[in-house]
Amino acid sequence: MTPRVGLGFDIHPFSADQDRPLVLGGVTLDGPGLVGHSDADAVAHAIADALLGAAGLGDIGTHFPDDDPAYAGVDSMDLLDRVVLTLSSHWEVGNVDVTVVLEAPKLAPYREAMERRLTAVIGAPVSVKAKRAEALGALGRREGIACFAVALLMPR
C-alpha cells in the first residue's frame, strides 16, 4: 500500500438557540453555536471525512447518520476518535491540515488549544488555520462556518 490523501469539507449555519455552545476542534469558543444533529463541530466533521476518504471508507454520514437518534447531540471528538480507531489496523495518520472559513469569532485565541486537542485524539500533528470570506456570500454575511481538512494516511 502507498500513502493516501483525503479531503474533507463541512459547513454549518449558526443556530438561533442562544444556549447552544460553539464547538470547533473539540474546544468551546465564545459565540453562537452551530445547527447540527451532533454538537455540529465542523472541524471534527471535516477531519473525519478527510480520514475516511483517504482510507476509501466513505464519509461521516455513512458511519454516523444524522437521522440516527444515537448521535443526537453527540460529542464530535468521540466520533473522530472512533474514525481513528477504525483506520488504525491498516493506517497511521501522518498529519492533518485544517482551514476554517469564518468571519467571527476570531480563532487565534483558540487555535493552539484546538491543535492540541485534535492532535491528542488523532495521534498525529494537526495544524489549524482561519480565513475570512471577505464579506462574500453566506459565510461573509456571518451566517455560518465552513471547514476544509486534508489528511495524510500512511500504511502500517
C-alpha atoms as a PDB file:
ATOM      1  CA  MET A   1       0.000   0.000   0.000  1.00  0.00           C
ATOM      2  CA  THR A   2       1.088   3.558  -0.655  1.00  0.00           C
ATOM      3  CA  PRO A   3       0.331   6.717   1.341  1.00  0.00           C
ATOM      4  CA  ARG A   4      -3.097   8.209   0.648  1.00  0.00           C
ATOM      5  CA  VAL A   5      -4.517  11.709   0.950  1.00  0.00           C
ATOM      6  CA  GLY A   6      -8.126  12.622   1.760  1.00  0.00           C
ATOM      7  CA  LEU A   7     -10.022  15.897   1.570  1.00  0.00           C
ATOM      8  CA  GLY A   8     -12.853  16.686   3.963  1.00  0.00           C
ATOM      9  CA  PHE A   9     -15.354  19.525   3.994  1.00  0.00           C
ATOM     10  CA  ASP A  10     -18.133  20.557   6.353  1.00  0.00           C
ATOM     11  CA  ILE A  11     -20.396  23.564   6.726  1.00  0.00           C
ATOM     12  CA  HIS A  12     -22.964  24.534   9.360  1.00  0.00           C
ATOM     13  CA  PRO A  13     -25.156  27.599   9.832  1.00  0.00           C
ATOM     14  CA  PHE A  14     -25.208  29.454  13.126  1.00  0.00           C
ATOM     15  CA  SER A  15     -28.021  28.496  15.495  1.00  0.00           C
ATOM     16  CA  ALA A  16     -30.624  30.912  16.844  1.00  0.00           C
ATOM     17  CA  ASP A  17     -30.534  28.876  20.078  1.00  0.00           C
ATOM     18  CA  GLN A  18     -28.527  31.086  22.446  1.00  0.00           C
ATOM     19  CA  ASP A  19     -27.887  28.123  24.775  1.00  0.00           C
ATOM     20  CA  ARG A  20     -26.156  26.029  22.098  1.00  0.00           C
ATOM     21  CA  PRO A  21     -22.349  26.247  22.533  1.00  0.00           C
ATOM     22  CA  LEU A  22     -19.972  26.869  19.639  1.00  0.00           C
ATOM     23  CA  VAL A  23     -17.600  23.900  19.477  1.00  0.00           C
ATOM     24  CA  LEU A  24     -14.749  23.713  16.959  1.00  0.00           C
ATOM     25  CA  GLY A  25     -11.916  21.218  17.108  1.00  0.00           C
ATOM     26  CA  GLY A  26     -13.210  19.969  20.451  1.00  0.00           C
ATOM     27  CA  VAL A  27     -12.857  23.414  22.036  1.00  0.00           C
ATOM     28  CA  THR A  28     -15.755  25.618  23.184  1.00  0.00           C
ATOM     29  CA  LEU A  29     -15.477  29.123  21.753  1.00  0.00           C
ATOM     30  CA  ASP A  30     -17.290  32.359  22.567  1.00  0.00           C
ATOM     31  CA  GLY A  31     -20.070  32.911  20.067  1.00  0.00           C
ATOM     32  CA  PRO A  32     -23.310  31.401  18.814  1.00  0.00           C
ATOM     33  CA  GLY A  33     -23.447  27.636  18.345  1.00  0.00           C
ATOM     34  CA  LEU A  34     -23.986  25.841  15.064  1.00  0.00           C
ATOM     35  CA  VAL A  35     -27.031  23.950  13.817  1.00  0.00           C
ATOM     36  CA  GLY A  36     -26.476  20.207  13.610  1.00  0.00           C
ATOM     37  CA  HIS A  37     -27.633  16.778  14.752  1.00  0.00           C
ATOM     38  CA  SER A  38     -24.472  16.300  16.829  1.00  0.00           C
ATOM     39  CA  ASP A  39     -22.591  19.139  18.529  1.00  0.00           C
ATOM     40  CA  ALA A  40     -22.015  20.467  14.962  1.00  0.00           C
ATOM     41  CA  ASP A  41     -18.210  20.622  15.307  1.00  0.00           C
ATOM     42  CA  ALA A  42     -17.430  21.426  11.657  1.00  0.00           C
ATOM     43  CA  VAL A  43     -13.684  20.974  12.241  1.00  0.00           C
ATOM     44  CA  ALA A  44     -14.031  17.449  13.656  1.00  0.00           C
ATOM     45  CA  HIS A  45     -16.503  16.552  10.890  1.00  0.00           C
ATOM     46  CA  ALA A  46     -14.222  17.769   8.088  1.00  0.00           C
ATOM     47  CA  ILE A  47     -11.273  15.879   9.570  1.00  0.00           C
ATOM     48  CA  ALA A  48     -13.332  12.691   9.925  1.00  0.00           C
ATOM     49  CA  ASP A  49     -14.339  12.971   6.261  1.00  0.00           C
ATOM     50  CA  ALA A  50     -10.724  13.546   5.197  1.00  0.00           C
ATOM     51  CA  LEU A  51      -9.549  10.476   7.120  1.00  0.00           C
ATOM     52  CA  LEU A  52     -12.389   8.259   5.908  1.00  0.00           C
ATOM     53  CA  GLY A  53     -11.947   9.448   2.333  1.00  0.00           C
ATOM     54  CA  ALA A  54      -8.214   8.760   2.358  1.00  0.00           C
ATOM     55  CA  ALA A  55      -8.912   5.220   3.572  1.00  0.00           C
ATOM     56  CA  GLY A  56     -11.648   4.720   0.965  1.00  0.00           C
ATOM     57  CA  LEU A  57     -14.258   4.198   3.685  1.00  0.00           C
ATOM     58  CA  GLY A  58     -16.941   6.668   2.671  1.00  0.00           C
ATOM     59  CA  ASP A  59     -17.889   9.669   4.750  1.00  0.00           C
ATOM     60  CA  ILE A  60     -19.034  10.642   8.225  1.00  0.00           C
ATOM     61  CA  GLY A  61     -22.717  10.434   7.249  1.00  0.00           C
ATOM     62  CA  THR A  62     -22.284   6.797   6.231  1.00  0.00           C
ATOM     63  CA  HIS A  63     -20.774   5.856   9.589  1.00  0.00           C
ATOM     64  CA  PHE A  64     -22.784   8.211  11.827  1.00  0.00           C
ATOM     65  CA  PRO A  65     -26.086   9.072  10.068  1.00  0.00           C
ATOM     66  CA  ASP A  66     -27.737  12.340  11.062  1.00  0.00           C
ATOM     67  CA  ASP A  67     -31.119  10.614  11.260  1.00  0.00           C
ATOM     68  CA  ASP A  68     -29.904   8.144  13.902  1.00  0.00           C
ATOM     69  CA  PRO A  69     -31.074   9.248  17.369  1.00  0.00           C
ATOM     70  CA  ALA A  70     -27.966   7.622  18.880  1.00  0.00           C
ATOM     71  CA  TYR A  71     -25.901  10.533  17.532  1.00  0.00           C
ATOM     72  CA  ALA A  72     -28.185  13.378  18.621  1.00  0.00           C
ATOM     73  CA  GLY A  73     -26.028  15.897  20.478  1.00  0.00           C
ATOM     74  CA  VAL A  74     -23.004  13.584  20.427  1.00  0.00           C
ATOM     75  CA  ASP A  75     -19.526  14.985  21.026  1.00  0.00           C
ATOM     76  CA  SER A  76     -17.908  15.006  17.582  1.00  0.00           C
ATOM     77  CA  MET A  77     -14.495  14.353  19.119  1.00  0.00           C
ATOM     78  CA  ASP A  78     -15.857  10.959  20.207  1.00  0.00           C
ATOM     79  CA  LEU A  79     -16.874  10.313  16.594  1.00  0.00           C
ATOM     80  CA  LEU A  80     -13.430  11.395  15.404  1.00  0.00           C
ATOM     81  CA  ASP A  81     -11.823   9.046  17.927  1.00  0.00           C
ATOM     82  CA  ARG A  82     -13.951   6.198  16.545  1.00  0.00           C
ATOM     83  CA  VAL A  83     -12.865   7.044  12.986  1.00  0.00           C
ATOM     84  CA  VAL A  84      -9.195   6.943  14.003  1.00  0.00           C
ATOM     85  CA  LEU A  85      -9.774   3.595  15.733  1.00  0.00           C
ATOM     86  CA  THR A  86     -11.470   2.234  12.603  1.00  0.00           C
ATOM     87  CA  LEU A  87      -8.445   3.174  10.496  1.00  0.00           C
ATOM     88  CA  SER A  88      -5.797   2.087  12.971  1.00  0.00           C
ATOM     89  CA  SER A  89      -5.482  -1.539  11.910  1.00  0.00           C
ATOM     90  CA  HIS A  90      -4.318  -0.591   8.393  1.00  0.00           C
ATOM     91  CA  TRP A  91      -3.389   3.098   8.537  1.00  0.00           C
ATOM     92  CA  GLU A  92      -1.378   5.558  10.567  1.00  0.00           C
ATOM     93  CA  VAL A  93      -2.240   9.244  10.302  1.00  0.00           C
ATOM     94  CA  GLY A  94       0.741  11.235   9.043  1.00  0.00           C
ATOM     95  CA  ASN A  95      -0.743  14.685   9.613  1.00  0.00           C
ATOM     96  CA  VAL A  96      -3.894  16.741   9.183  1.00  0.00           C
ATOM     97  CA  ASP A  97      -4.176  20.326   7.951  1.00  0.00           C
ATOM     98  CA  VAL A  98      -7.385  22.312   8.549  1.00  0.00           C
ATOM     99  CA  THR A  99      -8.679  25.638   7.234  1.00  0.00           C
ATOM    100  CA  VAL A 100     -11.743  27.164   8.887  1.00  0.00           C
ATOM    101  CA  VAL A 101     -13.614  29.836   6.928  1.00  0.00           C
ATOM    102  CA  LEU A 102     -15.495  32.266   9.172  1.00  0.00           C
ATOM    103  CA  GLU A 103     -15.880  35.961   9.800  1.00  0.00           C
ATOM    104  CA  ALA A 104     -16.259  35.631  13.572  1.00  0.00           C
ATOM    105  CA  PRO A 105     -15.281  34.691  16.155  1.00  0.00           C
ATOM    106  CA  LYS A 106     -11.545  35.052  15.736  1.00  0.00           C
ATOM    107  CA  LEU A 107      -9.833  31.668  16.056  1.00  0.00           C
ATOM    108  CA  ALA A 108      -6.420  32.984  17.126  1.00  0.00           C
ATOM    109  CA  PRO A 109      -7.163  32.751  20.876  1.00  0.00           C
ATOM    110  CA  TYR A 110      -8.325  29.125  20.471  1.00  0.00           C
ATOM    111  CA  ARG A 111      -6.073  27.801  17.711  1.00  0.00           C
ATOM    112  CA  GLU A 112      -3.373  26.229  19.901  1.00  0.00           C
ATOM    113  CA  ALA A 113      -5.944  24.553  22.169  1.00  0.00           C
ATOM    114  CA  MET A 114      -7.705  23.158  19.096  1.00  0.00           C
ATOM    115  CA  GLU A 115      -4.444  21.834  17.670  1.00  0.00           C
ATOM    116  CA  ARG A 116      -3.512  20.198  20.993  1.00  0.00           C
ATOM    117  CA  ARG A 117      -6.932  18.574  21.418  1.00  0.00           C
ATOM    118  CA  LEU A 118      -7.094  17.330  17.818  1.00  0.00           C
ATOM    119  CA  THR A 119      -3.505  16.065  17.891  1.00  0.00           C
ATOM    120  CA  ALA A 120      -4.232  14.118  21.082  1.00  0.00           C
ATOM    121  CA  VAL A 121      -7.299  12.422  19.570  1.00  0.00           C
ATOM    122  CA  ILE A 122      -5.764  11.730  16.155  1.00  0.00           C
ATOM    123  CA  GLY A 123      -2.279  10.810  17.343  1.00  0.00           C
ATOM    124  CA  ALA A 124      -0.575  12.907  14.665  1.00  0.00           C
ATOM    125  CA  PRO A 125       0.227  16.587  14.119  1.00  0.00           C
ATOM    126  CA  VAL A 126      -2.775  18.791  13.306  1.00  0.00           C
ATOM    127  CA  SER A 127      -2.485  22.371  12.084  1.00  0.00           C
ATOM    128  CA  VAL A 128      -5.453  24.759  12.167  1.00  0.00           C
ATOM    129  CA  LYS A 129      -5.726  27.967  10.172  1.00  0.00           C
ATOM    130  CA  ALA A 130      -8.522  30.509   9.796  1.00  0.00           C
ATOM    131  CA  LYS A 131      -9.544  32.524   6.766  1.00  0.00           C
ATOM    132  CA  ARG A 132     -12.226  35.152   6.295  1.00  0.00           C
ATOM    133  CA  ALA A 133     -14.755  35.056   3.479  1.00  0.00           C
ATOM    134  CA  GLU A 134     -14.147  38.806   2.992  1.00  0.00           C
ATOM    135  CA  ALA A 135     -17.881  39.612   3.193  1.00  0.00           C
ATOM    136  CA  LEU A 136     -18.683  37.323   0.246  1.00  0.00           C
ATOM    137  CA  GLY A 137     -21.694  35.001   0.316  1.00  0.00           C
ATOM    138  CA  ALA A 138     -23.377  33.390   3.314  1.00  0.00           C
ATOM    139  CA  LEU A 139     -20.094  32.894   5.164  1.00  0.00           C
ATOM    140  CA  GLY A 140     -19.174  36.529   4.592  1.00  0.00           C
ATOM    141  CA  ARG A 141     -22.553  37.576   5.960  1.00  0.00           C
ATOM    142  CA  ARG A 142     -21.742  35.628   9.153  1.00  0.00           C
ATOM    143  CA  GLU A 143     -24.454  33.038   8.565  1.00  0.00           C
ATOM    144  CA  GLY A 144     -22.221  30.069   9.346  1.00  0.00           C
ATOM    145  CA  ILE A 145     -18.837  28.368   9.311  1.00  0.00           C
ATOM    146  CA  ALA A 146     -17.138  26.136   6.738  1.00  0.00           C
ATOM    147  CA  CYS A 147     -14.115  23.931   7.189  1.00  0.00           C
ATOM    148  CA  PHE A 148     -11.713  22.133   4.841  1.00  0.00           C
ATOM    149  CA  ALA A 149      -9.350  19.396   6.020  1.00  0.00           C
ATOM    150  CA  VAL A 150      -6.611  17.404   4.313  1.00  0.00           C
ATOM    151  CA  ALA A 151      -5.278  14.210   5.877  1.00  0.00           C
ATOM    152  CA  LEU A 152      -2.310  12.023   5.024  1.00  0.00           C
ATOM    153  CA  LEU A 153      -2.544   8.312   5.817  1.00  0.00           C
ATOM    154  CA  MET A 154       0.499   6.065   5.880  1.00  0.00           C
ATOM    155  CA  PRO A 155       0.156   2.280   5.619  1.00  0.00           C
ATOM    156  CA  ARG A 156       1.005   0.280   8.751  1.00  0.00           C
END
